[in-house]
Amino acid sequence: MIASSVDAETRRTQLHALLERDGSLILTDAAEAYGVSEMTIRRDLFEMEQAGLARRVRGGAVAVGPQLFQRRQQKEAEAKRIMALKMLPLLPKTGAIAMDASSTVHRLAVEMPAADLTVLVSGVEAFSVLSTKAEIRAILSGGELERTTGALVGPVAQRTIRDFVFTRAFISPTCIDAELGATESTADGAEVKRTMRLATRSLVVAADSTKLNEAATARSLELADIDILVTELDPADPALDAFRGHVELL
């Protein structure tokens, strides 16, 4: 436990450093670590959000500054590997699919074998990976670069996505909740994922267990929009009970 005598300014500086390192923090964990009340941490996060240093979400906060993609890849890396392997059999043999800019779906791009597929991606990193794979026709959505996530967003990206009919789309949200559905850290990012949903026959959402029963800032998808929810957990895990019966669990 960190001494509760740490002054508010020092505590907020340290909380910001944690956000920069991990990308997110949990309210209850921070309160326990500093030996202060959850209300105190909520006030800290409010002040940090006002200063542009954090974005509050239910149960904690997420970073708002640019995060190196490599750092996002390293977070929950084993869970991402497991989810990517689960998603491989869901890839169609031919046709067109869409993939978002998340580091989770990027891992799927890394694992993908050569295939007669057209793949539209909204992330530069996944596009770079897919461009090296034989037979795959990789298309970048274009649009405005969202500095906080590395995703391509805005009207150009949405228009490009709408020009296709996808057999399946693969996305990973910031958070997912059985009541609120999938949520994103930015409204522009949420809009791109809604556009992918409208352009595809089937939607696969991948979310590691740290994203479950949490909510970010902008709503993107209702649970009814999702056909398959992929996690690193066994589908029978009790942590998935709230989603059971609403979506196919993998």
C-alpha atoms as a PDB file:
ATOM      1  CA  MET A   1       0.000   0.000   0.000  1.00  0.00           C
ATOM      2  CA  ILE A   2       1.197   3.501  -0.823  1.00  0.00           C
ATOM      3  CA  ALA A   3       1.134   5.859   2.149  1.00  0.00           C
ATOM      4  CA  SER A   4      -2.191   7.686   2.400  1.00  0.00           C
ATOM      5  CA  SER A   5      -0.255  10.802   3.436  1.00  0.00           C
ATOM      6  CA  VAL A   6       0.730  11.359  -0.213  1.00  0.00           C
ATOM      7  CA  ASP A   7      -0.675  14.744  -1.207  1.00  0.00           C
ATOM      8  CA  ALA A   8      -3.326  14.997  -3.918  1.00  0.00           C
ATOM      9  CA  GLU A   9      -1.030  16.494  -6.551  1.00  0.00           C
ATOM     10  CA  THR A  10       1.588  13.783  -6.081  1.00  0.00           C
ATOM     11  CA  ARG A  11      -1.090  11.086  -6.122  1.00  0.00           C
ATOM     12  CA  ARG A  12      -2.530  12.394  -9.395  1.00  0.00           C
ATOM     13  CA  THR A  13       0.927  12.535 -10.943  1.00  0.00           C
ATOM     14  CA  GLN A  14       1.459   8.916  -9.967  1.00  0.00           C
ATOM     15  CA  LEU A  15      -1.994   7.901 -11.236  1.00  0.00           C
ATOM     16  CA  HIS A  16      -1.230   9.560 -14.552  1.00  0.00           C
ATOM     17  CA  ALA A  17       2.050   7.635 -14.761  1.00  0.00           C
ATOM     18  CA  LEU A  18       0.132   4.395 -14.154  1.00  0.00           C
ATOM     19  CA  LEU A  19      -2.309   5.284 -16.924  1.00  0.00           C
ATOM     20  CA  GLU A  20       0.527   6.028 -19.323  1.00  0.00           C
ATOM     21  CA  ARG A  21       2.142   2.701 -18.474  1.00  0.00           C
ATOM     22  CA  ASP A  22      -0.925   0.428 -18.420  1.00  0.00           C
ATOM     23  CA  GLY A  23      -3.479   2.327 -20.494  1.00  0.00           C
ATOM     24  CA  SER A  24      -6.163   2.026 -17.813  1.00  0.00           C
ATOM     25  CA  LEU A  25      -6.694   1.839 -14.065  1.00  0.00           C
ATOM     26  CA  ILE A  26      -9.386   0.386 -11.832  1.00  0.00           C
ATOM     27  CA  LEU A  27     -10.961   2.647  -9.223  1.00  0.00           C
ATOM     28  CA  THR A  28     -11.094   0.098  -6.409  1.00  0.00           C
ATOM     29  CA  ASP A  29      -7.485  -0.998  -6.956  1.00  0.00           C
ATOM     30  CA  ALA A  30      -6.234   2.598  -6.879  1.00  0.00           C
ATOM     31  CA  ALA A  31      -8.177   3.383  -3.697  1.00  0.00           C
ATOM     32  CA  GLU A  32      -6.757   0.297  -1.984  1.00  0.00           C
ATOM     33  CA  ALA A  33      -3.214   1.026  -3.169  1.00  0.00           C
ATOM     34  CA  TYR A  34      -3.287   4.570  -1.764  1.00  0.00           C
ATOM     35  CA  GLY A  35      -5.301   3.760   1.348  1.00  0.00           C
ATOM     36  CA  VAL A  36      -7.942   6.360   0.491  1.00  0.00           C
ATOM     37  CA  SER A  37     -11.647   6.235  -0.295  1.00  0.00           C
ATOM     38  CA  GLU A  38     -13.029   5.525  -3.745  1.00  0.00           C
ATOM     39  CA  MET A  39     -14.582   8.997  -3.641  1.00  0.00           C
ATOM     40  CA  THR A  40     -11.092  10.490  -3.289  1.00  0.00           C
ATOM     41  CA  ILE A  41      -9.894   8.625  -6.371  1.00  0.00           C
ATOM     42  CA  ARG A  42     -13.045   9.684  -8.240  1.00  0.00           C
ATOM     43  CA  ARG A  43     -12.186  13.317  -7.467  1.00  0.00           C
ATOM     44  CA  ASP A  44      -8.631  12.712  -8.666  1.00  0.00           C
ATOM     45  CA  LEU A  45      -9.882  11.220 -11.921  1.00  0.00           C
ATOM     46  CA  PHE A  46     -12.322  14.098 -12.395  1.00  0.00           C
ATOM     47  CA  GLU A  47      -9.505  16.627 -12.017  1.00  0.00           C
ATOM     48  CA  MET A  48      -7.285  14.591 -14.341  1.00  0.00           C
ATOM     49  CA  GLU A  49     -10.043  14.438 -16.956  1.00  0.00           C
ATOM     50  CA  GLN A  50     -10.544  18.199 -16.742  1.00  0.00           C
ATOM     51  CA  ALA A  51      -6.813  18.605 -17.349  1.00  0.00           C
ATOM     52  CA  GLY A  52      -6.940  16.273 -20.359  1.00  0.00           C
ATOM     53  CA  LEU A  53      -4.849  13.603 -18.635  1.00  0.00           C
ATOM     54  CA  ALA A  54      -7.445  10.820 -18.410  1.00  0.00           C
ATOM     55  CA  ARG A  55     -10.833   9.731 -19.658  1.00  0.00           C
ATOM     56  CA  ARG A  56     -13.163   8.430 -16.970  1.00  0.00           C
ATOM     57  CA  VAL A  57     -15.051   5.192 -17.587  1.00  0.00           C
ATOM     58  CA  ARG A  58     -17.271   3.188 -15.282  1.00  0.00           C
ATOM     59  CA  GLY A  59     -15.078   1.692 -12.584  1.00  0.00           C
ATOM     60  CA  GLY A  60     -11.932   3.654 -13.395  1.00  0.00           C
ATOM     61  CA  ALA A  61     -10.224   5.538 -16.216  1.00  0.00           C
ATOM     62  CA  VAL A  62      -8.364   5.029 -19.478  1.00  0.00           C
ATOM     63  CA  ALA A  63      -5.433   6.933 -20.935  1.00  0.00           C
ATOM     64  CA  VAL A  64      -6.096   9.638 -23.505  1.00  0.00           C
ATOM     65  CA  GLY A  65      -2.585  10.365 -24.699  1.00  0.00           C
ATOM     66  CA  PRO A  66      -1.056   8.501 -27.671  1.00  0.00           C
ATOM     67  CA  GLN A  67      -0.154   4.949 -26.725  1.00  0.00           C
ATOM     68  CA  LEU A  68       2.498   3.106 -28.650  1.00  0.00           C
ATOM     69  CA  PHE A  69       0.896   0.260 -30.546  1.00  0.00           C
ATOM     70  CA  GLN A  70       3.553  -2.084 -29.192  1.00  0.00           C
ATOM     71  CA  ARG A  71       2.384  -1.260 -25.667  1.00  0.00           C
ATOM     72  CA  ARG A  72      -1.192  -2.143 -26.561  1.00  0.00           C
ATOM     73  CA  GLN A  73      -0.012  -5.394 -28.113  1.00  0.00           C
ATOM     74  CA  GLN A  74       1.786  -6.362 -24.922  1.00  0.00           C
ATOM     75  CA  LYS A  75      -1.237  -5.797 -22.710  1.00  0.00           C
ATOM     76  CA  GLU A  76      -3.117  -9.092 -22.165  1.00  0.00           C
ATOM     77  CA  ALA A  77      -0.879 -10.589 -24.873  1.00  0.00           C
ATOM     78  CA  GLU A  78      -1.660 -14.213 -24.017  1.00  0.00           C
ATOM     79  CA  ALA A  79      -5.405 -13.530 -24.041  1.00  0.00           C
ATOM     80  CA  LYS A  80      -5.050 -11.935 -27.483  1.00  0.00           C
ATOM     81  CA  ARG A  81      -3.171 -14.965 -28.765  1.00  0.00           C
ATOM     82  CA  ILE A  82      -5.893 -17.318 -27.518  1.00  0.00           C
ATOM     83  CA  MET A  83      -8.659 -15.191 -29.026  1.00  0.00           C
ATOM     84  CA  ALA A  84      -6.864 -14.970 -32.373  1.00  0.00           C
ATOM     85  CA  LEU A  85      -6.590 -18.758 -32.546  1.00  0.00           C
ATOM     86  CA  LYS A  86     -10.295 -19.063 -31.701  1.00  0.00           C
ATOM     87  CA  MET A  87     -11.180 -16.634 -34.494  1.00  0.00           C
ATOM     88  CA  LEU A  88      -9.113 -18.302 -37.223  1.00  0.00           C
ATOM     89  CA  PRO A  89     -11.799 -20.937 -38.017  1.00  0.00           C
ATOM     90  CA  LEU A  90     -14.353 -18.115 -38.348  1.00  0.00           C
ATOM     91  CA  LEU A  91     -12.551 -16.656 -41.359  1.00  0.00           C
ATOM     92  CA  PRO A  92     -14.400 -17.339 -44.624  1.00  0.00           C
ATOM     93  CA  LYS A  93     -12.477 -19.052 -47.412  1.00  0.00           C
ATOM     94  CA  THR A  94     -13.329 -16.342 -49.950  1.00  0.00           C
ATOM     95  CA  GLY A  95     -15.100 -13.001 -50.118  1.00  0.00           C
ATOM     96  CA  ALA A  96     -14.588  -9.829 -48.101  1.00  0.00           C
ATOM     97  CA  ILE A  97     -14.127  -9.221 -44.382  1.00  0.00           C
ATOM     98  CA  ALA A  98     -13.608  -6.111 -42.253  1.00  0.00           C
ATOM     99  CA  MET A  99     -11.156  -5.708 -39.381  1.00  0.00           C
ATOM    100  CA  ASP A 100     -10.866  -2.815 -36.945  1.00  0.00           C
ATOM    101  CA  ALA A 101      -7.709  -1.094 -35.674  1.00  0.00           C
ATOM    102  CA  SER A 102      -7.551  -2.861 -32.308  1.00  0.00           C
ATOM    103  CA  SER A 103      -4.431  -4.677 -31.151  1.00  0.00           C
ATOM    104  CA  THR A 104      -6.626  -7.738 -30.501  1.00  0.00           C
ATOM    105  CA  VAL A 105      -7.739  -7.973 -34.129  1.00  0.00           C
ATOM    106  CA  HIS A 106      -4.190  -7.120 -35.212  1.00  0.00           C
ATOM    107  CA  ARG A 107      -3.132 -10.405 -33.587  1.00  0.00           C
ATOM    108  CA  LEU A 108      -5.693 -12.182 -35.783  1.00  0.00           C
ATOM    109  CA  ALA A 109      -4.097 -10.516 -38.821  1.00  0.00           C
ATOM    110  CA  VAL A 110      -0.700 -11.833 -37.710  1.00  0.00           C
ATOM    111  CA  GLU A 111      -2.040 -15.396 -37.406  1.00  0.00           C
ATOM    112  CA  MET A 112      -4.010 -15.391 -40.681  1.00  0.00           C
ATOM    113  CA  PRO A 113      -2.794 -17.805 -43.359  1.00  0.00           C
ATOM    114  CA  ALA A 114      -2.724 -16.952 -47.047  1.00  0.00           C
ATOM    115  CA  ALA A 115      -6.289 -16.896 -48.349  1.00  0.00           C
ATOM    116  CA  ASP A 116      -8.375 -15.648 -51.255  1.00  0.00           C
ATOM    117  CA  LEU A 117      -9.823 -12.796 -49.218  1.00  0.00           C
ATOM    118  CA  THR A 118     -10.377  -9.082 -49.558  1.00  0.00           C
ATOM    119  CA  VAL A 119      -9.729  -7.527 -46.159  1.00  0.00           C
ATOM    120  CA  LEU A 120     -10.674  -3.940 -45.372  1.00  0.00           C
ATOM    121  CA  VAL A 121      -8.908  -2.644 -42.271  1.00  0.00           C
ATOM    122  CA  SER A 122      -9.198   0.611 -40.326  1.00  0.00           C
ATOM    123  CA  GLY A 123      -5.754   0.301 -38.750  1.00  0.00           C
ATOM    124  CA  VAL A 124      -2.391   0.925 -40.403  1.00  0.00           C
ATOM    125  CA  GLU A 125      -0.612  -1.766 -38.361  1.00  0.00           C
ATOM    126  CA  ALA A 126      -2.948  -4.578 -39.444  1.00  0.00           C
ATOM    127  CA  PHE A 127      -2.822  -3.321 -43.037  1.00  0.00           C
ATOM    128  CA  SER A 128       0.981  -3.546 -42.982  1.00  0.00           C
ATOM    129  CA  VAL A 129       0.822  -7.148 -41.775  1.00  0.00           C
ATOM    130  CA  LEU A 130      -1.835  -8.256 -44.264  1.00  0.00           C
ATOM    131  CA  SER A 131      -0.078  -6.599 -47.201  1.00  0.00           C
ATOM    132  CA  THR A 132       2.732  -9.152 -46.882  1.00  0.00           C
ATOM    133  CA  LYS A 133       0.446 -12.203 -47.047  1.00  0.00           C
ATOM    134  CA  ALA A 134       0.035 -14.049 -50.331  1.00  0.00           C
ATOM    135  CA  GLU A 135      -3.399 -13.940 -52.002  1.00  0.00           C
ATOM    136  CA  ILE A 136      -4.885 -11.517 -49.461  1.00  0.00           C
ATOM    137  CA  ARG A 137      -6.010  -8.208 -50.951  1.00  0.00           C
ATOM    138  CA  ALA A 138      -5.632  -5.689 -48.125  1.00  0.00           C
ATOM    139  CA  ILE A 139      -7.466  -2.368 -48.366  1.00  0.00           C
ATOM    140  CA  LEU A 140      -6.980   0.525 -45.952  1.00  0.00           C
ATOM    141  CA  SER A 141     -10.188   2.379 -45.138  1.00  0.00           C
ATOM    142  CA  GLY A 142      -8.574   5.796 -45.255  1.00  0.00           C
ATOM    143  CA  GLY A 143      -9.847   8.633 -43.123  1.00  0.00           C
ATOM    144  CA  GLU A 144      -8.557  10.786 -40.305  1.00  0.00           C
ATOM    145  CA  LEU A 145      -6.020   9.280 -37.907  1.00  0.00           C
ATOM    146  CA  GLU A 146      -7.367   9.203 -34.365  1.00  0.00           C
ATOM    147  CA  ARG A 147      -4.282   9.885 -32.286  1.00  0.00           C
ATOM    148  CA  THR A 148      -5.595   8.365 -29.068  1.00  0.00           C
ATOM    149  CA  THR A 149      -6.284   4.958 -30.643  1.00  0.00           C
ATOM    150  CA  GLY A 150      -4.373   4.812 -33.928  1.00  0.00           C
ATOM    151  CA  ALA A 151      -7.629   4.090 -35.780  1.00  0.00           C
ATOM    152  CA  LEU A 152      -8.746   5.686 -39.035  1.00  0.00           C
ATOM    153  CA  VAL A 153     -12.086   7.400 -38.486  1.00  0.00           C
ATOM    154  CA  GLY A 154     -14.405  10.021 -39.932  1.00  0.00           C
ATOM    155  CA  PRO A 155     -16.564  10.360 -43.068  1.00  0.00           C
ATOM    156  CA  VAL A 156     -13.951   9.015 -45.502  1.00  0.00           C
ATOM    157  CA  ALA A 157     -13.472   5.815 -43.486  1.00  0.00           C
ATOM    158  CA  GLN A 158     -17.228   5.365 -43.096  1.00  0.00           C
ATOM    159  CA  ARG A 159     -17.883   5.900 -46.802  1.00  0.00           C
ATOM    160  CA  THR A 160     -15.242   3.339 -47.779  1.00  0.00           C
ATOM    161  CA  ILE A 161     -16.705   0.769 -45.389  1.00  0.00           C
ATOM    162  CA  ARG A 162     -20.231   1.334 -46.730  1.00  0.00           C
ATOM    163  CA  ASP A 163     -19.042   0.530 -50.269  1.00  0.00           C
ATOM    164  CA  PHE A 164     -18.536  -3.138 -49.309  1.00  0.00           C
ATOM    165  CA  VAL A 165     -20.679  -6.109 -48.361  1.00  0.00           C
ATOM    166  CA  PHE A 166     -18.684  -8.142 -45.853  1.00  0.00           C
ATOM    167  CA  THR A 167     -19.222 -11.792 -45.059  1.00  0.00           C
ATOM    168  CA  ARG A 168     -17.913 -11.145 -41.563  1.00  0.00           C
ATOM    169  CA  ALA A 169     -16.431  -8.287 -39.539  1.00  0.00           C
ATOM    170  CA  PHE A 170     -14.008  -8.634 -36.632  1.00  0.00           C
ATOM    171  CA  ILE A 171     -13.782  -5.914 -33.992  1.00  0.00           C
ATOM    172  CA  SER A 172     -12.620  -5.491 -30.407  1.00  0.00           C
ATOM    173  CA  PRO A 173     -14.300  -2.797 -28.278  1.00  0.00           C
ATOM    174  CA  THR A 174     -12.818  -0.822 -25.413  1.00  0.00           C
ATOM    175  CA  CYS A 175     -15.386  -2.417 -23.077  1.00  0.00           C
ATOM    176  CA  ILE A 176     -18.482  -4.598 -23.274  1.00  0.00           C
ATOM    177  CA  ASP A 177     -21.406  -4.889 -20.884  1.00  0.00           C
ATOM    178  CA  ALA A 178     -24.484  -7.121 -21.069  1.00  0.00           C
ATOM    179  CA  GLU A 179     -26.819  -4.133 -20.622  1.00  0.00           C
ATOM    180  CA  LEU A 180     -24.914  -1.299 -22.306  1.00  0.00           C
ATOM    181  CA  GLY A 181     -23.405  -3.343 -25.119  1.00  0.00           C
ATOM    182  CA  ALA A 182     -20.027  -2.484 -26.637  1.00  0.00           C
ATOM    183  CA  THR A 183     -18.513   0.917 -25.908  1.00  0.00           C
ATOM    184  CA  GLU A 184     -15.500   2.842 -27.179  1.00  0.00           C
ATOM    185  CA  SER A 185     -13.183   5.504 -25.815  1.00  0.00           C
ATOM    186  CA  THR A 186     -14.186   7.952 -28.580  1.00  0.00           C
ATOM    187  CA  ALA A 187     -17.400   8.752 -30.451  1.00  0.00           C
ATOM    188  CA  ASP A 188     -15.618   8.645 -33.826  1.00  0.00           C
ATOM    189  CA  GLY A 189     -14.300   5.170 -33.117  1.00  0.00           C
ATOM    190  CA  ALA A 190     -17.772   4.022 -32.098  1.00  0.00           C
ATOM    191  CA  GLU A 191     -19.238   5.344 -35.357  1.00  0.00           C
ATOM    192  CA  VAL A 192     -16.742   3.399 -37.481  1.00  0.00           C
ATOM    193  CA  LYS A 193     -17.644   0.174 -35.696  1.00  0.00           C
ATOM    194  CA  ARG A 194     -21.365   0.832 -36.133  1.00  0.00           C
ATOM    195  CA  THR A 195     -20.707   1.325 -39.839  1.00  0.00           C
ATOM    196  CA  MET A 196     -18.891  -2.024 -39.981  1.00  0.00           C
ATOM    197  CA  ARG A 197     -21.900  -3.666 -38.334  1.00  0.00           C
ATOM    198  CA  LEU A 198     -24.244  -2.247 -40.972  1.00  0.00           C
ATOM    199  CA  ALA A 199     -21.991  -3.446 -43.798  1.00  0.00           C
ATOM    200  CA  THR A 200     -21.528  -7.049 -42.654  1.00  0.00           C
ATOM    201  CA  ARG A 201     -23.643 -10.184 -42.566  1.00  0.00           C
ATOM    202  CA  SER A 202     -22.010 -11.433 -39.358  1.00  0.00           C
ATOM    203  CA  LEU A 203     -20.183  -9.622 -36.560  1.00  0.00           C
ATOM    204  CA  VAL A 204     -17.517 -11.178 -34.345  1.00  0.00           C
ATOM    205  CA  VAL A 205     -16.538  -9.219 -31.238  1.00  0.00           C
ATOM    206  CA  ALA A 206     -13.367 -10.156 -29.350  1.00  0.00           C
ATOM    207  CA  ALA A 207     -12.919  -8.929 -25.780  1.00  0.00           C
ATOM    208  CA  ASP A 208     -10.574 -10.208 -23.112  1.00  0.00           C
ATOM    209  CA  SER A 209     -11.964 -10.722 -19.629  1.00  0.00           C
ATOM    210  CA  THR A 210     -10.691  -7.356 -18.331  1.00  0.00           C
ATOM    211  CA  LYS A 211     -13.134  -5.619 -20.700  1.00  0.00           C
ATOM    212  CA  LEU A 212     -16.215  -7.518 -19.538  1.00  0.00           C
ATOM    213  CA  ASN A 213     -18.944  -5.754 -17.551  1.00  0.00           C
ATOM    214  CA  GLU A 214     -17.223  -2.393 -18.006  1.00  0.00           C
ATOM    215  CA  ALA A 215     -18.185   0.686 -20.006  1.00  0.00           C
ATOM    216  CA  ALA A 216     -16.244   3.375 -21.855  1.00  0.00           C
ATOM    217  CA  THR A 217     -17.435   6.769 -23.101  1.00  0.00           C
ATOM    218  CA  ALA A 218     -19.286   6.157 -26.383  1.00  0.00           C
ATOM    219  CA  ARG A 219     -21.813   3.437 -27.162  1.00  0.00           C
ATOM    220  CA  SER A 220     -21.111   1.579 -30.397  1.00  0.00           C
ATOM    221  CA  LEU A 221     -23.108  -1.665 -30.509  1.00  0.00           C
ATOM    222  CA  GLU A 222     -26.082  -3.231 -28.810  1.00  0.00           C
ATOM    223  CA  LEU A 223     -25.636  -6.803 -27.663  1.00  0.00           C
ATOM    224  CA  ALA A 224     -28.212  -7.802 -30.292  1.00  0.00           C
ATOM    225  CA  ASP A 225     -25.830  -6.510 -32.992  1.00  0.00           C
ATOM    226  CA  ILE A 226     -23.214  -9.110 -32.051  1.00  0.00           C
ATOM    227  CA  ASP A 227     -23.326 -12.625 -33.478  1.00  0.00           C
ATOM    228  CA  ILE A 228     -20.303 -14.159 -31.741  1.00  0.00           C
ATOM    229  CA  LEU A 229     -18.453 -12.996 -28.613  1.00  0.00           C
ATOM    230  CA  VAL A 230     -14.909 -14.338 -28.363  1.00  0.00           C
ATOM    231  CA  THR A 231     -12.932 -14.216 -25.110  1.00  0.00           C
ATOM    232  CA  GLU A 232      -9.908 -16.057 -23.774  1.00  0.00           C
ATOM    233  CA  LEU A 233     -12.191 -17.818 -21.285  1.00  0.00           C
ATOM    234  CA  ASP A 234     -13.886 -21.176 -21.580  1.00  0.00           C
ATOM    235  CA  PRO A 235     -17.421 -20.475 -22.875  1.00  0.00           C
ATOM    236  CA  ALA A 236     -18.793 -22.161 -19.735  1.00  0.00           C
ATOM    237  CA  ASP A 237     -16.944 -19.747 -17.423  1.00  0.00           C
ATOM    238  CA  PRO A 238     -19.356 -18.059 -14.942  1.00  0.00           C
ATOM    239  CA  ALA A 239     -17.833 -14.683 -15.851  1.00  0.00           C
ATOM    240  CA  LEU A 240     -19.776 -14.952 -19.120  1.00  0.00           C
ATOM    241  CA  ASP A 241     -23.151 -15.731 -17.542  1.00  0.00           C
ATOM    242  CA  ALA A 242     -24.525 -12.235 -18.193  1.00  0.00           C
ATOM    243  CA  PHE A 243     -23.933 -12.701 -21.941  1.00  0.00           C
ATOM    244  CA  ARG A 244     -25.152 -16.284 -22.156  1.00  0.00           C
ATOM    245  CA  GLY A 245     -28.283 -16.699 -24.240  1.00  0.00           C
ATOM    246  CA  HIS A 246     -27.813 -13.312 -25.921  1.00  0.00           C
ATOM    247  CA  VAL A 247     -24.804 -14.065 -28.135  1.00  0.00           C
ATOM    248  CA  GLU A 248     -22.905 -17.146 -29.216  1.00  0.00           C
ATOM    249  CA  LEU A 249     -19.910 -17.555 -26.910  1.00  0.00           C
ATOM    250  CA  LEU A 250     -16.577 -18.833 -28.137  1.00  0.00           C
END
